[in-house]
Each structure stands twice: as structure tokens, then as C-alpha cells.
Amino acid sequence: MIDRDAILAMIPHQGSMCLLDRVLDWNDERIHCQSEAHLRANLPLRSGGRLRGVHLCEFGAQSMAVHGGLLARASGGRAQPGLLVALRGVRISHGVLPALPGPLDVFGDKLAAGETGWQYAFRVKHAGELLAEGRAAVMPAPCGMNLSLR
């Protein structure tokens, strides 16, 4: 298992903006993470104390960032920072998330990867129930751009 400290070392999302707590499994094509961020009162994505379903897309996008970091680390490098540029085919089960005890399972499946960007399918589940799914595209960030997200 890969813990939160290792995740923080790989991605620009820091502090309470790092939504993932652990990686349970991964290989060259996919990743399975878990998160308890939806339980945290200080989650910056909350509005009026509530977490909207659309924010689950960010959980999926962060699984992409962690997967890229793990792939780069496995080859002796560091992941190139990227910018989320598109979401497609997004389906969300709740406009506002109800209270959900326990962790969320976040899955990312690599669809395409190259010098010009990456595409993944993502799914976010709670206790086996699908909460959100879709596809996300990321492009490399311009050189020198500060992507530290707190």
C-alpha cells in the first residue's frame, strides 16, 4: 500500500487539497485509490458545509496524477505536471453527496498516454455504489508554471 505521505511527494495537490489517502493497487494501466477526504470538515471543495457530486471528478483527476507519479517513479523519474483540460461522459449520482461513512474508492484507467497528454476513465464508488464516472484529459503544463495546489 502507498500512503498519503508518498502521494503528497508525487503530486502538486498539497494539504487539504490532496484528496487521496492511499493507493491500494496499481499497474501500468490502472490505479485503485481510497479517500476519506469527503469526511473532512476542512475540505476546500465544500460549499456551505456540503460537497457537490461534481467535485468527485477532482478525485478521479487526482488518481490520474498519482498514477502518473507512480509510473514516473518506477522508471526512475518524476512526473511532468499537467493541467486538466477536459471532462467527457461524466455521470454523477448525487447533486450533493449525502453523508457517506467510510472511504471512497477511486479508480483510474489509462486510455491513452503520450507527449501531448493523457486520457483516463475514472470511477468513484462508495461501498460498491457508483457515485461518479467519466473520462478526463490532461495536457502537460507549460514549463515554469507553478502548479502547487493547497
N, C-alpha and C. Protein backbone atom coordinates (compact mmCIF):
# COMPACT_ATOMS: atom_id res chain seq x y z
N MET A 1 0.85 -1.19 0.00
CA MET A 1 0.00 0.00 0.00
C MET A 1 0.89 1.24 0.00
N ILE A 2 0.48 2.24 -0.72
CA ILE A 2 1.18 3.52 -0.80
C ILE A 2 0.36 4.52 0.02
N ASP A 3 1.00 5.19 0.99
CA ASP A 3 0.27 6.05 1.91
C ASP A 3 0.23 7.51 1.45
N ARG A 4 -0.46 8.32 2.22
CA ARG A 4 -0.68 9.73 1.90
C ARG A 4 0.63 10.51 1.77
N ASP A 5 1.60 10.24 2.63
CA ASP A 5 2.88 10.94 2.54
C ASP A 5 3.55 10.69 1.20
N ALA A 6 3.51 9.47 0.72
CA ALA A 6 4.09 9.15 -0.58
C ALA A 6 3.31 9.84 -1.70
N ILE A 7 1.99 9.91 -1.56
CA ILE A 7 1.16 10.60 -2.55
C ILE A 7 1.51 12.09 -2.58
N LEU A 8 1.64 12.71 -1.41
CA LEU A 8 1.98 14.13 -1.34
C LEU A 8 3.32 14.43 -2.00
N ALA A 9 4.23 13.49 -1.96
CA ALA A 9 5.55 13.69 -2.57
C ALA A 9 5.50 13.61 -4.10
N MET A 10 4.40 13.09 -4.65
CA MET A 10 4.32 12.88 -6.11
C MET A 10 3.46 13.87 -6.86
N ILE A 11 2.55 14.55 -6.18
CA ILE A 11 1.58 15.38 -6.90
C ILE A 11 1.61 16.82 -6.39
N PRO A 12 1.11 17.77 -7.19
CA PRO A 12 1.12 19.17 -6.76
C PRO A 12 0.03 19.50 -5.74
N HIS A 13 -0.95 18.63 -5.56
CA HIS A 13 -2.04 18.86 -4.62
C HIS A 13 -1.53 18.63 -3.21
N GLN A 14 -1.53 19.66 -2.40
CA GLN A 14 -0.94 19.59 -1.07
C GLN A 14 -1.97 19.92 0.00
N GLY A 15 -1.63 19.59 1.25
CA GLY A 15 -2.51 19.89 2.37
C GLY A 15 -3.88 19.29 2.16
N SER A 16 -4.91 20.07 2.49
CA SER A 16 -6.28 19.56 2.39
C SER A 16 -6.77 19.42 0.95
N MET A 17 -6.00 19.92 -0.02
CA MET A 17 -6.38 19.73 -1.42
C MET A 17 -5.91 18.39 -1.97
N CYS A 18 -5.08 17.67 -1.23
CA CYS A 18 -4.75 16.30 -1.61
C CYS A 18 -5.91 15.44 -1.15
N LEU A 19 -6.66 14.90 -2.09
CA LEU A 19 -7.90 14.21 -1.76
C LEU A 19 -7.72 12.71 -1.53
N LEU A 20 -6.60 12.16 -1.90
CA LEU A 20 -6.40 10.72 -1.81
C LEU A 20 -5.55 10.36 -0.61
N ASP A 21 -5.92 9.30 0.07
CA ASP A 21 -5.23 8.89 1.29
C ASP A 21 -4.32 7.68 1.09
N ARG A 22 -4.62 6.86 0.13
CA ARG A 22 -3.78 5.67 -0.09
C ARG A 22 -4.03 5.09 -1.48
N VAL A 23 -3.03 4.36 -1.96
CA VAL A 23 -3.16 3.58 -3.18
C VAL A 23 -3.19 2.12 -2.75
N LEU A 24 -4.25 1.43 -3.11
CA LEU A 24 -4.39 0.03 -2.74
C LEU A 24 -3.76 -0.89 -3.77
N ASP A 25 -3.84 -0.50 -5.04
CA ASP A 25 -3.33 -1.36 -6.11
C ASP A 25 -3.09 -0.49 -7.35
N TRP A 26 -2.08 -0.86 -8.12
CA TRP A 26 -1.84 -0.17 -9.38
C TRP A 26 -0.96 -1.04 -10.26
N ASN A 27 -1.05 -0.79 -11.57
CA ASN A 27 -0.14 -1.38 -12.54
C ASN A 27 0.03 -0.35 -13.65
N ASP A 28 0.61 -0.73 -14.76
CA ASP A 28 0.89 0.24 -15.83
C ASP A 28 -0.38 0.84 -16.44
N GLU A 29 -1.51 0.18 -16.29
CA GLU A 29 -2.74 0.62 -16.96
C GLU A 29 -3.82 1.19 -16.05
N ARG A 30 -3.73 0.93 -14.74
CA ARG A 30 -4.83 1.36 -13.85
C ARG A 30 -4.34 1.59 -12.43
N ILE A 31 -5.22 2.25 -11.68
CA ILE A 31 -4.92 2.54 -10.27
C ILE A 31 -6.21 2.45 -9.45
N HIS A 32 -6.07 2.02 -8.20
CA HIS A 32 -7.19 1.98 -7.25
C HIS A 32 -6.72 2.69 -5.99
N CYS A 33 -7.37 3.81 -5.68
CA CYS A 33 -7.04 4.62 -4.51
C CYS A 33 -8.23 4.63 -3.55
N GLN A 34 -7.96 5.08 -2.34
CA GLN A 34 -9.04 5.34 -1.39
C GLN A 34 -8.88 6.73 -0.81
N SER A 35 -10.04 7.27 -0.36
CA SER A 35 -10.06 8.61 0.19
C SER A 35 -11.08 8.70 1.32
N GLU A 36 -10.71 9.44 2.34
CA GLU A 36 -11.66 9.85 3.38
C GLU A 36 -11.85 11.36 3.37
N ALA A 37 -11.39 12.02 2.32
CA ALA A 37 -11.48 13.49 2.25
C ALA A 37 -12.91 13.98 2.36
N HIS A 38 -13.87 13.20 1.85
CA HIS A 38 -15.28 13.61 1.91
C HIS A 38 -15.80 13.71 3.35
N LEU A 39 -15.06 13.12 4.30
CA LEU A 39 -15.45 13.17 5.71
C LEU A 39 -14.86 14.38 6.44
N ARG A 40 -13.91 15.07 5.82
CA ARG A 40 -13.19 16.16 6.49
C ARG A 40 -13.95 17.48 6.38
N ALA A 41 -14.19 18.09 7.53
CA ALA A 41 -14.92 19.37 7.56
C ALA A 41 -14.13 20.48 6.86
N ASN A 42 -12.78 20.38 6.82
CA ASN A 42 -11.96 21.44 6.24
C ASN A 42 -11.70 21.24 4.75
N LEU A 43 -12.40 20.35 4.10
CA LEU A 43 -12.20 20.12 2.67
C LEU A 43 -12.52 21.39 1.89
N PRO A 44 -11.53 21.95 1.17
CA PRO A 44 -11.76 23.21 0.46
C PRO A 44 -12.85 23.15 -0.61
N LEU A 45 -13.20 21.98 -1.08
CA LEU A 45 -14.24 21.85 -2.11
C LEU A 45 -15.65 22.00 -1.55
N ARG A 46 -15.78 21.99 -0.23
CA ARG A 46 -17.10 22.15 0.39
C ARG A 46 -17.63 23.57 0.19
N SER A 47 -18.93 23.66 0.03
CA SER A 47 -19.61 24.95 -0.07
C SER A 47 -20.82 24.87 0.85
N GLY A 48 -20.87 25.77 1.82
CA GLY A 48 -21.96 25.72 2.79
C GLY A 48 -21.97 24.42 3.57
N GLY A 49 -20.78 23.84 3.77
CA GLY A 49 -20.66 22.60 4.51
C GLY A 49 -21.00 21.36 3.71
N ARG A 50 -21.33 21.54 2.43
CA ARG A 50 -21.76 20.40 1.61
C ARG A 50 -20.76 20.16 0.47
N LEU A 51 -20.66 18.91 0.09
CA LEU A 51 -19.80 18.52 -1.03
C LEU A 51 -20.68 18.15 -2.22
N ARG A 52 -20.49 18.82 -3.30
CA ARG A 52 -21.28 18.57 -4.51
C ARG A 52 -20.72 17.36 -5.26
N GLY A 53 -21.60 16.65 -5.91
CA GLY A 53 -21.21 15.46 -6.67
C GLY A 53 -20.20 15.75 -7.76
N VAL A 54 -20.29 16.92 -8.37
CA VAL A 54 -19.37 17.27 -9.45
C VAL A 54 -17.92 17.27 -8.97
N HIS A 55 -17.71 17.51 -7.69
CA HIS A 55 -16.34 17.52 -7.16
C HIS A 55 -15.70 16.14 -7.17
N LEU A 56 -16.47 15.10 -7.34
CA LEU A 56 -15.90 13.77 -7.43
C LEU A 56 -15.02 13.63 -8.67
N CYS A 57 -15.23 14.49 -9.66
CA CYS A 57 -14.35 14.50 -10.83
C CYS A 57 -12.92 14.82 -10.43
N GLU A 58 -12.74 15.68 -9.44
CA GLU A 58 -11.40 16.02 -8.96
C GLU A 58 -10.75 14.82 -8.28
N PHE A 59 -11.53 14.01 -7.59
CA PHE A 59 -10.99 12.79 -7.01
C PHE A 59 -10.44 11.90 -8.13
N GLY A 60 -11.22 11.75 -9.19
CA GLY A 60 -10.78 10.96 -10.34
C GLY A 60 -9.54 11.54 -10.99
N ALA A 61 -9.50 12.86 -11.16
CA ALA A 61 -8.34 13.51 -11.78
C ALA A 61 -7.09 13.33 -10.92
N GLN A 62 -7.24 13.37 -9.60
CA GLN A 62 -6.07 13.17 -8.75
C GLN A 62 -5.57 11.73 -8.84
N SER A 63 -6.45 10.78 -9.10
CA SER A 63 -5.97 9.40 -9.29
C SER A 63 -5.07 9.33 -10.52
N MET A 64 -5.38 10.14 -11.53
CA MET A 64 -4.53 10.22 -12.72
C MET A 64 -3.15 10.75 -12.36
N ALA A 65 -3.13 11.82 -11.56
CA ALA A 65 -1.86 12.43 -11.17
C ALA A 65 -1.00 11.45 -10.37
N VAL A 66 -1.63 10.73 -9.47
CA VAL A 66 -0.88 9.75 -8.67
C VAL A 66 -0.38 8.63 -9.57
N HIS A 67 -1.21 8.17 -10.48
CA HIS A 67 -0.78 7.10 -11.39
C HIS A 67 0.41 7.55 -12.21
N GLY A 68 0.35 8.76 -12.74
CA GLY A 68 1.49 9.30 -13.49
C GLY A 68 2.74 9.39 -12.64
N GLY A 69 2.58 9.80 -11.38
CA GLY A 69 3.72 9.87 -10.46
C GLY A 69 4.32 8.50 -10.20
N LEU A 70 3.47 7.51 -10.02
CA LEU A 70 3.96 6.14 -9.78
C LEU A 70 4.68 5.58 -11.00
N LEU A 71 4.11 5.82 -12.19
CA LEU A 71 4.76 5.34 -13.41
C LEU A 71 6.12 6.00 -13.59
N ALA A 72 6.19 7.31 -13.35
CA ALA A 72 7.45 8.02 -13.49
C ALA A 72 8.47 7.53 -12.46
N ARG A 73 8.03 7.36 -11.23
CA ARG A 73 8.92 6.88 -10.17
C ARG A 73 9.45 5.49 -10.48
N ALA A 74 8.60 4.63 -11.04
CA ALA A 74 9.02 3.27 -11.38
C ALA A 74 10.11 3.25 -12.45
N SER A 75 10.14 4.30 -13.28
CA SER A 75 11.16 4.38 -14.33
C SER A 75 12.32 5.30 -13.92
N GLY A 76 12.36 5.69 -12.63
CA GLY A 76 13.47 6.49 -12.12
C GLY A 76 13.33 7.97 -12.33
N GLY A 77 12.15 8.45 -12.69
CA GLY A 77 11.97 9.88 -12.95
C GLY A 77 10.91 10.50 -12.06
N ARG A 78 10.47 11.65 -12.49
CA ARG A 78 9.41 12.39 -11.79
C ARG A 78 8.37 12.78 -12.84
N ALA A 79 7.10 12.70 -12.48
CA ALA A 79 6.02 13.00 -13.43
C ALA A 79 6.06 14.46 -13.86
N GLN A 80 5.75 14.67 -15.11
CA GLN A 80 5.61 16.02 -15.64
C GLN A 80 4.27 16.59 -15.16
N PRO A 81 4.25 17.81 -14.64
CA PRO A 81 2.98 18.41 -14.20
C PRO A 81 2.01 18.55 -15.37
N GLY A 82 0.74 18.42 -15.07
CA GLY A 82 -0.27 18.53 -16.12
C GLY A 82 -1.43 19.41 -15.70
N LEU A 83 -2.22 19.79 -16.68
CA LEU A 83 -3.41 20.61 -16.47
C LEU A 83 -4.63 19.84 -16.97
N LEU A 84 -5.65 19.73 -16.13
CA LEU A 84 -6.90 19.11 -16.54
C LEU A 84 -7.55 20.01 -17.59
N VAL A 85 -7.78 19.47 -18.79
CA VAL A 85 -8.31 20.31 -19.87
C VAL A 85 -9.69 19.90 -20.35
N ALA A 86 -10.13 18.68 -20.02
CA ALA A 86 -11.46 18.26 -20.49
C ALA A 86 -12.01 17.13 -19.64
N LEU A 87 -13.32 17.17 -19.46
CA LEU A 87 -14.07 16.07 -18.87
C LEU A 87 -15.13 15.68 -19.88
N ARG A 88 -15.33 14.39 -20.06
CA ARG A 88 -16.32 13.90 -21.04
C ARG A 88 -17.11 12.75 -20.42
N GLY A 89 -18.33 12.59 -20.88
CA GLY A 89 -19.15 11.46 -20.47
C GLY A 89 -19.32 11.33 -18.97
N VAL A 90 -19.36 12.46 -18.28
CA VAL A 90 -19.45 12.43 -16.82
C VAL A 90 -20.89 12.11 -16.40
N ARG A 91 -20.99 11.16 -15.48
CA ARG A 91 -22.28 10.82 -14.87
C ARG A 91 -22.09 10.85 -13.35
N ILE A 92 -23.01 11.56 -12.69
CA ILE A 92 -22.92 11.75 -11.24
C ILE A 92 -24.25 11.32 -10.63
N SER A 93 -24.19 10.55 -9.56
CA SER A 93 -25.42 10.01 -8.97
C SER A 93 -26.14 10.99 -8.04
N HIS A 94 -25.41 11.94 -7.44
CA HIS A 94 -26.00 12.87 -6.48
C HIS A 94 -25.53 14.29 -6.78
N GLY A 95 -26.45 15.24 -6.79
CA GLY A 95 -26.06 16.64 -6.93
C GLY A 95 -25.25 17.10 -5.73
N VAL A 96 -25.68 16.70 -4.55
CA VAL A 96 -24.97 16.94 -3.29
C VAL A 96 -24.80 15.58 -2.64
N LEU A 97 -23.57 15.29 -2.21
CA LEU A 97 -23.33 13.99 -1.61
C LEU A 97 -23.99 13.88 -0.24
N PRO A 98 -24.66 12.77 0.00
CA PRO A 98 -25.18 12.54 1.35
C PRO A 98 -24.02 12.17 2.27
N ALA A 99 -24.28 12.07 3.56
CA ALA A 99 -23.26 11.61 4.50
C ALA A 99 -22.91 10.17 4.14
N LEU A 100 -21.66 9.93 3.86
CA LEU A 100 -21.19 8.60 3.46
C LEU A 100 -20.11 8.15 4.42
N PRO A 101 -20.41 7.21 5.31
CA PRO A 101 -19.38 6.75 6.24
C PRO A 101 -18.35 5.88 5.52
N GLY A 102 -17.13 5.94 5.98
CA GLY A 102 -16.08 5.09 5.40
C GLY A 102 -15.50 5.68 4.13
N PRO A 103 -14.54 4.97 3.56
CA PRO A 103 -13.79 5.52 2.43
C PRO A 103 -14.53 5.48 1.10
N LEU A 104 -14.08 6.36 0.21
CA LEU A 104 -14.45 6.29 -1.20
C LEU A 104 -13.38 5.50 -1.93
N ASP A 105 -13.78 4.70 -2.90
CA ASP A 105 -12.84 4.00 -3.78
C ASP A 105 -12.77 4.78 -5.07
N VAL A 106 -11.56 5.12 -5.49
CA VAL A 106 -11.34 5.94 -6.68
C VAL A 106 -10.48 5.12 -7.65
N PHE A 107 -11.00 4.93 -8.85
CA PHE A 107 -10.33 4.12 -9.86
C PHE A 107 -9.99 4.97 -11.07
N GLY A 108 -8.82 4.78 -11.62
CA GLY A 108 -8.41 5.43 -12.85
C GLY A 108 -7.88 4.38 -13.82
N ASP A 109 -8.34 4.44 -15.06
CA ASP A 109 -7.90 3.51 -16.11
C ASP A 109 -7.31 4.32 -17.26
N LYS A 110 -6.04 4.10 -17.53
CA LYS A 110 -5.37 4.84 -18.61
C LYS A 110 -5.93 4.42 -19.96
N LEU A 111 -6.38 5.39 -20.74
CA LEU A 111 -6.89 5.14 -22.08
C LEU A 111 -5.85 5.47 -23.14
N ALA A 112 -5.10 6.53 -22.92
CA ALA A 112 -4.07 6.97 -23.87
C ALA A 112 -3.04 7.81 -23.12
N ALA A 113 -1.80 7.71 -23.56
CA ALA A 113 -0.73 8.50 -22.94
C ALA A 113 0.33 8.78 -24.00
N GLY A 114 0.83 10.01 -23.99
CA GLY A 114 1.88 10.40 -24.93
C GLY A 114 2.46 11.74 -24.53
N GLU A 115 3.32 12.26 -25.36
CA GLU A 115 3.97 13.54 -25.06
C GLU A 115 2.99 14.70 -25.01
N THR A 116 1.87 14.59 -25.72
CA THR A 116 0.92 15.70 -25.78
C THR A 116 -0.19 15.61 -24.74
N GLY A 117 -0.23 14.52 -23.98
CA GLY A 117 -1.24 14.44 -22.94
C GLY A 117 -1.62 13.02 -22.57
N TRP A 118 -2.60 12.95 -21.65
CA TRP A 118 -3.06 11.68 -21.12
C TRP A 118 -4.57 11.69 -21.03
N GLN A 119 -5.17 10.53 -21.28
CA GLN A 119 -6.60 10.38 -21.11
C GLN A 119 -6.87 9.17 -20.23
N TYR A 120 -7.80 9.34 -19.29
CA TYR A 120 -8.17 8.28 -18.36
C TYR A 120 -9.68 8.21 -18.25
N ALA A 121 -10.16 7.03 -17.93
CA ALA A 121 -11.53 6.87 -17.45
C ALA A 121 -11.43 6.79 -15.93
N PHE A 122 -12.40 7.37 -15.23
CA PHE A 122 -12.38 7.31 -13.76
C PHE A 122 -13.74 6.86 -13.24
N ARG A 123 -13.72 6.28 -12.05
CA ARG A 123 -14.92 5.90 -11.33
C ARG A 123 -14.70 6.19 -9.85
N VAL A 124 -15.74 6.67 -9.20
CA VAL A 124 -15.69 6.88 -7.74
C VAL A 124 -16.87 6.10 -7.17
N LYS A 125 -16.56 5.22 -6.22
CA LYS A 125 -17.58 4.38 -5.61
C LYS A 125 -17.53 4.51 -4.09
N HIS A 126 -18.69 4.23 -3.49
CA HIS A 126 -18.76 4.12 -2.03
C HIS A 126 -19.50 2.83 -1.71
N ALA A 127 -18.86 1.94 -0.97
CA ALA A 127 -19.46 0.66 -0.57
C ALA A 127 -20.06 -0.06 -1.78
N GLY A 128 -19.37 0.01 -2.91
CA GLY A 128 -19.81 -0.65 -4.13
C GLY A 128 -20.77 0.14 -5.00
N GLU A 129 -21.33 1.23 -4.48
CA GLU A 129 -22.27 2.06 -5.25
C GLU A 129 -21.49 3.07 -6.09
N LEU A 130 -21.78 3.13 -7.38
CA LEU A 130 -21.14 4.09 -8.28
C LEU A 130 -21.69 5.48 -8.02
N LEU A 131 -20.79 6.40 -7.65
CA LEU A 131 -21.17 7.79 -7.38
C LEU A 131 -20.90 8.69 -8.57
N ALA A 132 -19.79 8.42 -9.28
CA ALA A 132 -19.42 9.27 -10.42
C ALA A 132 -18.52 8.47 -11.35
N GLU A 133 -18.61 8.80 -12.64
CA GLU A 133 -17.72 8.21 -13.63
C GLU A 133 -17.60 9.17 -14.80
N GLY A 134 -16.54 9.00 -15.56
CA GLY A 134 -16.33 9.83 -16.73
C GLY A 134 -14.95 9.62 -17.29
N ARG A 135 -14.58 10.50 -18.22
CA ARG A 135 -13.25 10.49 -18.82
C ARG A 135 -12.65 11.88 -18.63
N ALA A 136 -11.34 11.88 -18.44
CA ALA A 136 -10.63 13.15 -18.22
C ALA A 136 -9.40 13.20 -19.12
N ALA A 137 -9.10 14.39 -19.60
CA ALA A 137 -7.90 14.61 -20.41
C ALA A 137 -7.02 15.64 -19.73
N VAL A 138 -5.73 15.36 -19.74
CA VAL A 138 -4.73 16.24 -19.14
C VAL A 138 -3.65 16.52 -20.17
N MET A 139 -3.21 17.78 -20.22
CA MET A 139 -2.10 18.17 -21.09
C MET A 139 -0.93 18.60 -20.23
N PRO A 140 0.30 18.44 -20.73
CA PRO A 140 1.47 18.90 -19.96
C PRO A 140 1.36 20.40 -19.68
N ALA A 141 1.74 20.79 -18.47
CA ALA A 141 1.74 22.20 -18.10
C ALA A 141 2.92 22.90 -18.77
N PRO A 142 2.75 24.17 -19.12
CA PRO A 142 3.88 24.93 -19.67
C PRO A 142 5.04 24.95 -18.69
N CYS A 143 6.25 24.91 -19.20
CA CYS A 143 7.45 24.93 -18.36
C CYS A 143 7.43 26.14 -17.44
N GLY A 144 7.81 25.93 -16.18
CA GLY A 144 7.92 27.01 -15.22
C GLY A 144 6.61 27.39 -14.55
N MET A 145 5.50 26.77 -14.95
CA MET A 145 4.21 27.09 -14.33
C MET A 145 4.13 26.45 -12.96
N ASN A 146 3.81 27.22 -11.93
CA ASN A 146 3.69 26.71 -10.57
C ASN A 146 2.31 26.08 -10.40
N LEU A 147 2.29 24.76 -10.16
CA LEU A 147 1.02 24.06 -10.02
C LEU A 147 0.75 23.61 -8.59
N SER A 148 1.46 24.15 -7.62
CA SER A 148 1.25 23.73 -6.25
C SER A 148 -0.16 24.16 -5.81
N LEU A 149 -0.96 23.18 -5.43
CA LEU A 149 -2.36 23.43 -5.05
C LEU A 149 -2.54 23.14 -3.57
N ARG A 150 -2.90 24.16 -2.82
CA ARG A 150 -3.05 24.00 -1.37
C ARG A 150 -4.49 24.20 -0.96
